[in-house]
Amino acid sequence: MEWLLASVLIPIVIWLYTVYRDRLDDSNRNEERFYELESRVTIAETKLETLERDVTEIQKLSEKIEQIQMDLVRVLTLLEERTSKGQ
């Protein structure tokens, strides 16, 4: 009976313990990686929101610049008309 315990049960118990320990280590490692990836995603989302706000601002500025260009064309046209009438 002792030989059964020493040759079969003890190695099985040791093997089961090592499998459990390895699975636990893998689980902890995966959990750490998950939290790291989650923080990276949060940072990327923040950067994306900032970029979206910047793009919106740039679009508004572009529209204002276009309006200014049209106003300048009108002013130049009016100046040309006045100078041509004055001659």
Protein backbone atom coordinates (compact mmCIF):
# COMPACT_ATOMS: atom_id res chain seq x y z
CA MET A 1 0.00 0.00 0.00
CA GLU A 2 2.82 2.37 0.77
CA TRP A 3 4.35 1.77 -2.63
CA LEU A 4 1.03 2.85 -4.21
CA LEU A 5 1.04 6.05 -2.23
CA ALA A 6 4.68 6.80 -2.97
CA SER A 7 4.71 5.84 -6.63
CA VAL A 8 1.29 7.02 -7.86
CA LEU A 9 -0.54 9.40 -5.58
CA ILE A 10 2.30 11.71 -4.56
CA PRO A 11 3.44 12.38 -8.16
CA ILE A 12 -0.17 12.99 -9.19
CA VAL A 13 -0.70 15.44 -6.33
CA ILE A 14 2.57 17.23 -7.15
CA TRP A 15 1.62 17.38 -10.84
CA LEU A 16 -1.83 18.77 -10.01
CA TYR A 17 -0.28 21.40 -7.75
CA THR A 18 2.17 22.52 -10.44
CA VAL A 19 -0.64 22.70 -13.01
CA TYR A 20 -2.74 24.79 -10.60
CA ARG A 21 0.20 27.08 -9.81
CA ASP A 22 1.03 27.57 -13.51
CA ARG A 23 -2.61 28.35 -14.33
CA LEU A 24 -2.75 30.85 -11.49
CA ASP A 25 0.46 32.52 -12.70
CA ASP A 26 -0.92 32.67 -16.25
CA SER A 27 -4.16 34.14 -14.97
CA ASN A 28 -2.35 36.83 -12.99
CA ARG A 29 -0.09 37.64 -15.94
CA ASN A 30 -3.08 37.88 -18.28
CA GLU A 31 -4.91 40.11 -15.83
CA GLU A 32 -1.93 42.47 -15.64
CA ARG A 33 -1.73 42.56 -19.43
CA PHE A 34 -5.45 43.29 -19.61
CA TYR A 35 -5.15 46.26 -17.26
CA GLU A 36 -2.14 47.54 -19.20
CA LEU A 37 -4.05 47.27 -22.49
CA GLU A 38 -7.07 48.92 -20.93
CA SER A 39 -4.97 51.89 -19.85
CA ARG A 40 -3.44 52.12 -23.33
CA VAL A 41 -6.93 52.15 -24.86
CA THR A 42 -8.01 54.88 -22.46
CA ILE A 43 -5.01 56.99 -23.42
CA ALA A 44 -5.68 56.40 -27.13
CA GLU A 45 -9.35 57.37 -26.69
CA THR A 46 -8.31 60.59 -24.95
CA LYS A 47 -5.91 61.42 -27.77
CA LEU A 48 -8.61 60.66 -30.33
CA GLU A 49 -11.09 62.97 -28.61
CA THR A 50 -8.47 65.72 -28.59
CA LEU A 51 -7.82 65.19 -32.29
CA GLU A 52 -11.53 65.30 -33.06
CA ARG A 53 -11.86 68.61 -31.21
CA ASP A 54 -8.84 69.97 -33.07
CA VAL A 55 -10.26 68.90 -36.43
CA THR A 56 -13.57 70.59 -35.62
CA GLU A 57 -11.73 73.76 -34.64
CA ILE A 58 -9.67 73.67 -37.82
CA GLN A 59 -12.82 73.26 -39.90
CA LYS A 60 -14.38 76.28 -38.22
CA LEU A 61 -11.23 78.32 -38.83
CA SER A 62 -11.16 77.20 -42.45
CA GLU A 63 -14.74 78.39 -42.92
CA LYS A 64 -13.85 81.75 -41.35
CA ILE A 65 -10.81 82.08 -43.61
CA GLU A 66 -12.95 81.35 -46.67
CA GLN A 67 -15.40 84.04 -45.56
CA ILE A 68 -12.54 86.50 -45.10
CA GLN A 69 -11.24 85.67 -48.58
CA MET A 70 -14.66 86.34 -50.08
CA ASP A 71 -14.86 89.65 -48.18
CA LEU A 72 -11.41 90.62 -49.48
CA VAL A 73 -12.48 89.87 -53.04
CA ARG A 74 -15.51 92.12 -52.56
CA VAL A 75 -13.37 94.91 -51.10
CA LEU A 76 -10.87 94.65 -53.97
CA THR A 77 -13.70 94.69 -56.50
CA LEU A 78 -15.19 97.80 -54.90
CA LEU A 79 -11.79 99.52 -54.83
CA GLU A 80 -11.22 98.73 -58.48
CA GLU A 81 -14.64 100.11 -59.38
CA ARG A 82 -13.98 103.33 -57.48
CA THR A 83 -10.56 103.83 -59.00
CA SER A 84 -11.88 103.17 -62.49
CA LYS A 85 -14.75 105.69 -61.97
CA GLY A 86 -12.38 108.29 -60.61
CA GLN A 87 -10.16 108.28 -63.69
